[in-house]
Protein backbone atom coordinates (compact mmCIF):
# COMPACT_ATOMS: atom_id res chain seq x y z
CA UNK A 1 46.30 -21.63 125.07
CA UNK A 2 48.14 -23.76 122.58
CA UNK A 3 50.23 -22.31 119.77
CA UNK A 4 47.70 -23.76 117.15
CA UNK A 5 44.89 -21.88 118.87
CA UNK A 6 46.73 -18.67 118.94
CA UNK A 7 47.60 -19.15 115.20
CA UNK A 8 44.00 -19.79 114.38
CA UNK A 9 42.64 -16.72 116.21
CA UNK A 10 45.37 -14.56 114.53
CA UNK A 11 44.25 -15.76 111.07
CA UNK A 12 40.66 -15.12 111.72
CA UNK A 13 41.50 -11.50 112.78
CA UNK A 14 43.47 -10.67 109.60
CA UNK A 15 40.82 -12.19 107.37
CA UNK A 16 38.02 -10.03 109.26
CA UNK A 17 40.17 -6.96 108.90
CA UNK A 18 40.59 -7.56 105.05
CA UNK A 19 36.96 -8.23 104.55
CA UNK A 20 35.66 -5.16 106.47
CA UNK A 21 38.26 -2.45 105.94
CA UNK A 22 40.47 -3.57 103.10
CA UNK A 23 43.45 -3.37 105.25
CA UNK A 24 45.37 -6.42 104.07
CA UNK A 25 47.90 -4.45 102.38
CA UNK A 26 48.87 -2.27 105.52
CA UNK A 27 49.02 -5.52 107.50
CA UNK A 28 51.31 -7.28 105.06
CA UNK A 29 53.50 -4.32 103.79
CA UNK A 30 56.36 -2.75 105.92
CA UNK A 31 55.19 -0.13 108.31
CA UNK A 32 55.66 3.54 107.00
CA UNK A 33 55.50 6.71 109.06
CA UNK A 34 52.50 9.14 108.11
CA UNK A 35 52.90 12.81 108.79
CA UNK A 36 50.14 15.46 109.18
CA UNK A 37 51.45 17.27 106.12
CA UNK A 38 50.09 14.31 103.94
CA UNK A 39 46.55 15.60 104.61
CA UNK A 40 47.28 19.17 103.45
CA UNK A 41 46.63 20.22 99.85
CA UNK A 42 49.60 21.25 97.92
CA UNK A 43 50.41 24.99 98.37
CA UNK A 44 48.04 25.32 101.45
CA UNK A 45 49.37 27.39 104.36
CA UNK A 46 50.00 25.38 107.47
CA UNK A 47 49.06 26.51 110.91
CA UNK A 48 50.39 25.09 114.24
CA UNK A 49 47.76 23.85 116.74
CA UNK A 50 48.96 23.45 120.13
CA UNK A 51 47.51 20.31 121.88
CA UNK A 52 46.92 19.89 125.55
CA UNK A 53 50.01 17.72 125.52
CA UNK A 54 53.60 18.42 124.55
CA UNK A 55 53.03 17.12 120.98
CA UNK A 56 52.39 19.71 118.22
CA UNK A 57 50.46 19.04 115.08
CA UNK A 58 50.45 20.89 111.73
CA UNK A 59 47.25 21.01 109.72
CA UNK A 60 45.74 22.92 106.80
CA UNK A 61 44.53 26.39 107.63
CA UNK A 62 40.66 26.57 107.47
CA UNK A 63 38.90 29.48 105.68
CA UNK A 64 38.37 32.53 107.85
CA UNK A 65 34.99 32.76 109.69
CA UNK A 66 33.11 36.03 109.77
CA UNK A 67 33.64 37.94 113.09
CA UNK A 68 30.65 39.02 115.09
CA UNK A 69 30.39 42.88 114.90
CA UNK A 70 31.61 42.98 111.33
CA UNK A 71 29.75 46.01 109.50
CA UNK A 72 28.77 43.65 106.74
CA UNK A 73 26.72 41.59 109.21
CA UNK A 74 25.00 44.65 110.70
CA UNK A 75 21.28 43.74 109.76
CA UNK A 76 18.57 45.45 111.85
CA UNK A 77 14.82 44.60 112.03
CA UNK A 78 12.64 47.48 112.82
CA UNK A 79 8.84 47.88 112.88
CA UNK A 80 7.13 49.92 110.08
CA UNK A 81 5.82 49.70 106.40
CA UNK A 82 7.84 47.54 104.00
CA UNK A 83 10.26 49.52 101.95
CA UNK A 84 10.64 49.49 98.21
CA UNK A 85 8.72 51.11 95.24
CA UNK A 86 4.89 51.42 95.35
CA UNK A 87 4.69 51.13 91.50
CA UNK A 88 3.27 47.84 90.34
CA UNK A 89 5.34 45.55 88.52
CA UNK A 90 5.20 45.80 84.77
CA UNK A 91 3.67 42.53 82.99
CA UNK A 92 6.11 40.43 80.94
CA UNK A 93 3.76 40.62 77.92
CA UNK A 94 0.38 41.90 76.86
CA UNK A 95 -2.61 40.20 78.60
CA UNK A 96 -4.23 37.42 76.60
CA UNK A 97 -7.89 36.22 76.75
CA UNK A 98 -8.09 32.62 77.59
CA UNK A 99 -11.79 31.83 78.27
CA UNK A 100 -14.91 32.99 80.20
CA UNK A 101 -17.90 31.57 81.45
CA UNK A 102 -20.78 33.75 80.08
CA UNK A 103 -23.80 31.89 81.73
CA UNK A 104 -25.37 28.54 82.30
CA UNK A 105 -28.45 26.46 81.57
CA UNK A 106 -29.91 24.40 84.35
CA UNK A 107 -26.41 24.44 86.03
CA UNK A 108 -24.42 23.49 82.93
CA UNK A 109 -21.96 26.26 82.22
CA UNK A 110 -21.59 27.98 78.82
CA UNK A 111 -18.13 28.99 77.94
CA UNK A 112 -17.16 31.64 75.33
CA UNK A 113 -14.61 29.52 73.50
CA UNK A 114 -16.67 26.42 73.07
CA UNK A 115 -19.76 28.58 72.04
CA UNK A 116 -18.05 30.80 69.54
CA UNK A 117 -15.99 27.90 68.00
CA UNK A 118 -19.19 26.72 66.18
CA UNK A 119 -19.77 30.01 64.47
CA UNK A 120 -16.25 31.62 64.23
CA UNK A 121 -16.02 30.74 60.45
CA UNK A 122 -19.16 32.88 59.60
CA UNK A 123 -18.18 35.63 62.11
CA UNK A 124 -14.64 35.81 60.55
CA UNK A 125 -15.85 35.69 56.99
CA UNK A 126 -18.57 38.44 57.55
CA UNK A 127 -15.97 40.68 59.51
CA UNK A 128 -13.84 40.84 56.22
CA UNK A 129 -16.67 42.05 54.11
CA UNK A 130 -19.06 44.07 56.40
CA UNK A 131 -18.52 47.51 57.91
CA UNK A 132 -18.01 47.33 61.79
CA UNK A 133 -21.33 48.58 62.72
CA UNK A 134 -23.13 46.33 60.24
CA UNK A 135 -20.97 43.38 61.35
CA UNK A 136 -21.93 43.81 65.06
CA UNK A 137 -25.69 43.83 64.05
CA UNK A 138 -25.04 40.65 62.12
CA UNK A 139 -23.03 38.97 64.96
CA UNK A 140 -25.51 40.00 67.56
CA UNK A 141 -28.32 38.36 65.72
CA UNK A 142 -26.32 35.22 64.92
CA UNK A 143 -25.14 34.87 68.66
CA UNK A 144 -28.74 35.21 69.90
CA UNK A 145 -30.06 32.58 67.47
CA UNK A 146 -27.23 30.24 68.52
CA UNK A 147 -27.94 30.85 72.19
CA UNK A 148 -31.57 30.03 71.64
CA UNK A 149 -30.74 26.92 69.81
CA UNK A 150 -28.29 25.91 72.50
CA UNK A 151 -30.84 26.48 75.34
CA UNK A 152 -33.48 24.60 73.50
CA UNK A 153 -31.24 21.53 72.90
CA UNK A 154 -29.94 21.47 76.32
CA UNK A 155 -33.50 21.55 77.74
CA UNK A 156 -34.61 18.77 75.31
CA UNK A 157 -31.56 16.72 76.17
CA UNK A 158 -32.01 17.07 80.04
CA UNK A 159 -35.69 16.31 79.66
CA UNK A 160 -35.12 13.12 77.68
CA UNK A 161 -32.48 11.86 80.05
CA UNK A 162 -34.79 12.69 83.07
CA UNK A 163 -37.67 10.65 81.40
CA UNK A 164 -35.66 7.54 80.45
CA UNK A 165 -36.79 4.21 81.76
CA UNK A 166 -34.05 1.74 83.10
CA UNK A 167 -34.44 -0.07 79.62
CA UNK A 168 -33.88 3.11 77.75
CA UNK A 169 -30.97 3.95 79.86
CA UNK A 170 -29.52 0.47 79.03
CA UNK A 171 -30.08 1.15 75.43
CA UNK A 172 -28.29 4.53 75.59
CA UNK A 173 -25.26 2.93 77.13
CA UNK A 174 -25.21 0.36 74.33
CA UNK A 175 -25.61 3.21 71.86
CA UNK A 176 -22.59 4.96 73.19
CA UNK A 177 -20.57 1.74 73.26
CA UNK A 178 -21.43 1.11 69.70
CA UNK A 179 -20.28 4.57 68.66
CA UNK A 180 -16.93 3.95 70.28
CA UNK A 181 -16.59 0.52 68.61
CA UNK A 182 -17.59 1.80 65.24
CA UNK A 183 -15.00 4.50 65.45
CA UNK A 184 -12.26 1.89 66.27
CA UNK A 185 -13.49 -0.49 63.59
CA UNK A 186 -13.18 2.39 61.08
CA UNK A 187 -9.62 2.89 62.26
CA UNK A 188 -8.25 -0.67 61.93
CA UNK A 189 -9.26 -1.43 65.33
CA UNK A 190 -6.89 1.09 66.93
CA UNK A 191 -8.22 3.51 69.66
CA UNK A 192 -5.34 5.91 69.13
CA UNK A 193 -5.88 6.03 65.38
CA UNK A 194 -9.64 6.60 66.00
CA UNK A 195 -8.84 9.49 68.23
CA UNK A 196 -6.49 11.03 65.58
CA UNK A 197 -9.16 10.69 62.81
CA UNK A 198 -11.93 12.34 64.92
CA UNK A 199 -9.62 15.18 65.97
CA UNK A 200 -8.66 15.85 62.33
CA UNK A 201 -12.10 15.60 61.05
CA UNK A 202 -14.17 17.10 63.86
CA UNK A 203 -11.71 19.17 65.64
CA UNK A 204 -12.58 17.45 69.08
CA UNK A 205 -11.45 14.44 70.97
CA UNK A 206 -13.17 11.07 70.56
CA UNK A 207 -14.95 11.45 74.06
CA UNK A 208 -16.19 14.95 73.03
CA UNK A 209 -17.46 13.59 69.79
CA UNK A 210 -19.25 10.74 71.40
CA UNK A 211 -20.70 13.05 74.02
CA UNK A 212 -21.97 15.36 71.25
CA UNK A 213 -23.54 12.33 69.59
CA UNK A 214 -25.26 11.34 72.65
CA UNK A 215 -26.72 14.82 73.08
CA UNK A 216 -28.04 14.77 69.56
CA UNK A 217 -29.66 11.43 70.04
CA UNK A 218 -31.39 12.58 73.16
CA UNK A 219 -32.78 15.67 71.47
CA UNK A 220 -33.91 13.58 68.58
CA UNK A 221 -35.63 11.21 70.85
CA UNK A 222 -37.39 14.09 72.78
CA UNK A 223 -38.61 15.66 69.60
CA UNK A 224 -39.96 12.56 68.19
CA UNK A 225 -41.73 11.61 71.47
CA UNK A 226 -43.11 15.03 72.53
CA UNK A 227 -43.43 16.92 69.28
CA UNK A 228 -43.57 14.76 66.01
CA UNK A 229 -45.78 12.04 67.65
CA UNK A 230 -48.39 14.61 68.50
CA UNK A 231 -48.70 15.99 64.82
CA UNK A 232 -51.38 14.67 62.56
CA UNK A 233 -52.50 15.83 59.11
CA UNK A 234 -55.79 14.43 57.71
CA UNK A 235 -57.07 14.30 54.15
CA UNK A 236 -59.69 16.88 55.06
CA UNK A 237 -56.87 19.20 56.27
CA UNK A 238 -55.33 18.95 52.77
CA UNK A 239 -58.54 19.65 50.96
CA UNK A 240 -59.29 22.60 53.06
CA UNK A 241 -55.77 23.99 52.62
CA UNK A 242 -56.13 23.58 48.73
CA UNK A 243 -59.42 25.40 48.68
CA UNK A 244 -58.16 28.15 50.83
CA UNK A 245 -55.10 28.58 48.57
CA UNK A 246 -56.67 27.99 45.17
CA UNK A 247 -54.84 31.00 43.55
CA UNK A 248 -51.51 29.44 44.56
CA UNK A 249 -52.33 26.20 42.72
CA UNK A 250 -54.48 27.71 40.04
CA UNK A 251 -52.69 30.95 38.98
CA UNK A 252 -53.92 33.02 36.17
CA UNK A 253 -52.78 31.95 32.77
CA UNK A 254 -49.96 33.97 31.00
CA UNK A 255 -49.93 34.96 27.42
CA UNK A 256 -46.76 35.42 25.37
CA UNK A 257 -46.97 37.71 22.46
CA UNK A 258 -44.55 38.83 19.82
CA UNK A 259 -44.76 42.22 17.86
CA UNK A 260 -43.51 43.78 14.69
CA UNK A 261 -43.69 47.57 14.49
CA UNK A 262 -42.71 49.75 11.45
CA UNK A 263 -42.55 53.51 12.12
CA UNK A 264 -43.71 55.64 9.10
CA UNK A 265 -43.44 52.59 6.77
CA UNK A 266 -43.47 52.72 3.15
CA UNK A 267 -45.84 50.48 1.13
CA UNK A 268 -42.96 48.40 -0.02
CA UNK A 269 -41.93 47.67 3.61
CA UNK A 270 -45.38 46.71 4.61
CA UNK A 271 -45.72 44.33 1.70
CA UNK A 272 -42.21 42.80 2.42
CA UNK A 273 -43.13 42.06 6.01
CA UNK A 274 -46.72 40.72 5.02
CA UNK A 275 -45.30 38.64 2.19
CA UNK A 276 -42.62 37.04 4.40
CA UNK A 277 -45.18 36.09 7.13
CA UNK A 278 -47.74 34.86 4.54
CA UNK A 279 -45.11 32.69 2.82
CA UNK A 280 -44.42 30.88 6.26
CA UNK A 281 -41.28 32.66 7.43
CA UNK A 282 -41.33 32.33 11.31
CA UNK A 283 -42.78 35.37 12.94
CA UNK A 284 -39.78 35.54 15.38
CA UNK A 285 -37.31 35.58 12.39
CA UNK A 286 -39.08 38.36 10.65
CA UNK A 287 -39.19 40.38 14.03
CA UNK A 288 -35.39 40.27 14.04
CA UNK A 289 -35.18 42.30 10.86
CA UNK A 290 -33.89 45.85 10.98
CA UNK A 291 -37.19 47.19 9.79
CA UNK A 292 -38.66 46.33 13.11
CA UNK A 293 -38.28 49.01 15.87
CA UNK A 294 -39.93 46.80 18.60
CA UNK A 295 -37.10 44.82 20.37
CA UNK A 296 -35.60 43.19 17.20
CA UNK A 297 -32.76 41.77 19.29
CA UNK A 298 -35.43 39.62 21.37
CA UNK A 299 -37.40 38.64 18.16
CA UNK A 300 -40.09 41.22 19.08
CA UNK A 301 -40.93 39.65 22.42
CA UNK A 302 -43.64 41.40 24.47
CA UNK A 303 -43.64 41.33 28.20
CA UNK A 304 -45.76 38.29 29.40
CA UNK A 305 -49.24 39.32 30.47
CA UNK A 306 -51.58 37.24 32.72
CA UNK A 307 -55.39 37.19 32.14
CA UNK A 308 -58.48 35.84 33.94
CA UNK A 309 -61.19 33.56 32.42
CA UNK A 310 -61.31 32.63 28.87
CA UNK A 311 -58.56 33.96 26.52
CA UNK A 312 -61.00 35.15 23.88
CA UNK A 313 -62.94 37.34 26.45
CA UNK A 314 -59.73 38.61 28.20
CA UNK A 315 -58.76 42.25 28.28
CA UNK A 316 -55.08 43.03 27.36
CA UNK A 317 -52.86 46.14 27.67
CA UNK A 318 -49.92 45.36 25.41
CA UNK A 319 -49.85 48.40 23.23
CA UNK A 320 -52.04 50.74 21.06
CA UNK A 321 -55.72 50.06 21.24
CA UNK A 322 -55.83 48.21 17.86
CA UNK A 323 -53.33 45.56 19.26
CA UNK A 324 -55.30 45.05 22.51
CA UNK A 325 -58.59 44.56 20.44
CA UNK A 326 -56.84 42.28 18.10
CA UNK A 327 -55.09 40.01 20.74
CA UNK A 328 -57.93 38.00 22.07
CA UNK A 329 -59.10 36.97 18.62
CA UNK A 330 -55.66 35.07 18.14
CA UNK A 331 -54.94 31.47 18.40
CA UNK A 332 -51.57 30.15 19.36
CA UNK A 333 -49.24 30.34 16.40
CA UNK A 334 -51.35 32.94 14.44
CA UNK A 335 -50.81 36.56 13.87
CA UNK A 336 -52.86 39.71 12.89
CA UNK A 337 -51.76 42.67 10.80
CA UNK A 338 -50.72 45.12 9.64
CA UNK A 339 -52.62 47.25 12.19
CA UNK A 340 -52.18 50.89 11.38
CA UNK A 341 -52.48 53.73 13.94
CA UNK A 342 -50.96 57.14 14.75
CA UNK A 343 -49.15 58.19 17.99
CA UNK A 344 -48.40 61.98 18.22
CA UNK A 345 -48.83 62.34 14.48
CA UNK A 346 -46.49 59.49 13.65
CA UNK A 347 -47.94 56.65 11.61
CA UNK A 348 -47.09 53.07 12.42
CA UNK A 349 -48.01 49.60 11.13
CA UNK A 350 -47.92 46.69 13.60
CA UNK A 351 -48.17 42.90 13.46
CA UNK A 352 -49.10 41.00 16.68
CA UNK A 353 -48.38 37.15 17.21
CA UNK A 354 -49.65 34.78 19.96
CA UNK A 355 -46.50 32.79 20.70
CA UNK A 356 -48.01 30.58 23.52
CA UNK A 357 -50.32 30.56 26.61
CA UNK A 358 -48.91 29.27 29.90
CA UNK A 359 -51.37 27.52 32.06
CA UNK A 360 -50.12 26.54 35.43
CA UNK A 361 -53.15 24.83 37.03
CA UNK A 362 -52.23 22.18 39.57
CA UNK A 363 -55.22 20.08 40.51
CA UNK A 364 -55.64 18.44 43.86
CA UNK A 365 -55.64 15.02 42.25
CA UNK A 366 -51.94 15.49 41.42
CA UNK A 367 -49.96 13.42 43.98
CA UNK A 368 -47.16 16.04 44.05
CA UNK A 369 -49.64 18.71 45.06
CA UNK A 370 -51.00 16.41 47.95
CA UNK A 371 -47.44 15.77 49.21
CA UNK A 372 -46.62 19.39 49.04
CA UNK A 373 -49.66 20.46 51.01
CA UNK A 374 -49.22 17.62 53.65
CA UNK A 375 -45.59 18.70 54.21
CA UNK A 376 -46.42 22.43 54.50
CA UNK A 377 -49.16 21.67 57.08
CA UNK A 378 -47.01 19.14 58.86
CA UNK A 379 -44.14 21.70 59.14
CA UNK A 380 -46.37 24.38 60.43
CA UNK A 381 -47.95 22.10 63.08
CA UNK A 382 -44.45 20.82 64.13
CA UNK A 383 -43.16 24.34 64.65
CA UNK A 384 -46.24 25.35 66.64
CA UNK A 385 -46.03 22.21 68.83
CA UNK A 386 -42.35 22.78 69.30
CA UNK A 387 -42.79 26.38 70.47
CA UNK A 388 -45.50 25.20 72.85
CA UNK A 389 -43.44 22.36 74.38
CA UNK A 390 -40.24 24.44 74.71
CA UNK A 391 -42.20 27.29 76.30
CA UNK A 392 -43.37 24.81 78.94
CA UNK A 393 -39.76 23.60 79.55
CA UNK A 394 -38.36 27.09 79.75
CA UNK A 395 -41.02 28.05 82.35
CA UNK A 396 -39.50 25.57 84.86
CA UNK A 397 -35.82 25.87 83.69
CA UNK A 398 -33.21 28.21 85.05
CA UNK A 399 -30.80 29.87 82.60
CA UNK A 400 -28.86 33.12 82.44
CA UNK A 401 -30.58 36.04 80.71
CA UNK A 402 -30.12 35.72 77.01
CA UNK A 403 -29.62 39.62 76.48
CA UNK A 404 -26.79 39.42 78.94
CA UNK A 405 -24.97 36.51 77.50
CA UNK A 406 -25.51 37.97 74.03
CA UNK A 407 -23.69 41.25 75.10
CA UNK A 408 -20.85 39.53 76.80
CA UNK A 409 -20.32 37.14 73.82
CA UNK A 410 -20.63 39.92 71.34
CA UNK A 411 -17.95 41.89 73.21
CA UNK A 412 -15.56 38.95 73.08
CA UNK A 413 -16.38 38.20 69.44
CA UNK A 414 -15.73 41.89 68.56
CA UNK A 415 -12.23 41.61 70.07
CA UNK A 416 -11.32 38.34 68.66
CA UNK A 417 -12.85 38.53 65.13
CA UNK A 418 -13.36 42.05 63.99
CA UNK A 419 -10.09 43.35 62.72
CA UNK A 420 -8.82 46.69 63.71
CA UNK A 421 -9.34 49.22 61.02
CA UNK A 422 -7.20 52.26 60.50
CA UNK A 423 -8.97 55.63 61.54
CA UNK A 424 -9.49 58.53 59.11
CA UNK A 425 -6.40 60.43 58.13
CA UNK A 426 -6.05 64.02 59.33
């Protein structure tokens, strides 16, 4: 091989060593002898290892290894019950109620937290002002009413959804979409802001709020389709109701009287009262004089009395017989007296005044009466139809016993909302 070829091969080898191992310095610097002590940490103890050859090498002493048979390593495994204490471990803190399923309606679970959250304000408020036993009776009734309402709404919701046509289902999806879009538009188009606003105002997430609105819409739909649409109130129904409840719309008139009574009066006192009334002084004003012993602070007012038929033929019981006999002869704004009589030997002189006659007749021709009767009949028929329809749904539904759920929820509510009260002191 030529000298040029050997030189080229040598150069390639040097460059390869530099590239792969960074050894250009050792190749180019003068050779230096490296001893084994260079690999021992300062202050470490050296140990001499004897190789198979005549050469001896010094190296750093390794850490001592445990020796088999050392008592510290004497671990034996023997059959038998595990050792240790049989006492259960103490909890780190007191147990805390999280949630509980109390029942279900057609497979949909009812959880205590979700159920009680809708009535917790009323339960808490009543717990602060009622005695414990009274509060529990109130809470049991409220819980039962809410359970009945929840079951009814769930049955109506499920029945509506099951009866929907494909077109109605499409409309429901559009309704849900529009709810979400409306919430976003009301929050400057921001989904996160809409979520925050619903959380602050309703206490639920946007998805939960939409789900609740969907359920409400389904219940309304089913009520309108299966209950409201089946109720009809005719004009003849209105007339019949008016006739059967005539006393309600045409109650007895009420007469309002005022009275002046002088006990053991002198002739001067009688003349003074009569003169004032004859001169046109209002009866109520005279009745407030100190001379009057009949409710002067109320202007001599007599308790209202109802009467039947014509006023001039009515029988009244407003005082002594002379007053009762004089009353039907009066006209509104007129008075009679002095009417003299004795009670237990005490002489008195009275004046009686007809202040007004209150007539409360409400004829059927009055549009307000017709609307009132129609609404009363409609509400009654709606409630009857609702009960009939829900009874039919419940007959084929499956749900946990209401009494069982009420007891469980009442126990949880008692622990949560009824504050502990100090017992009687000894």
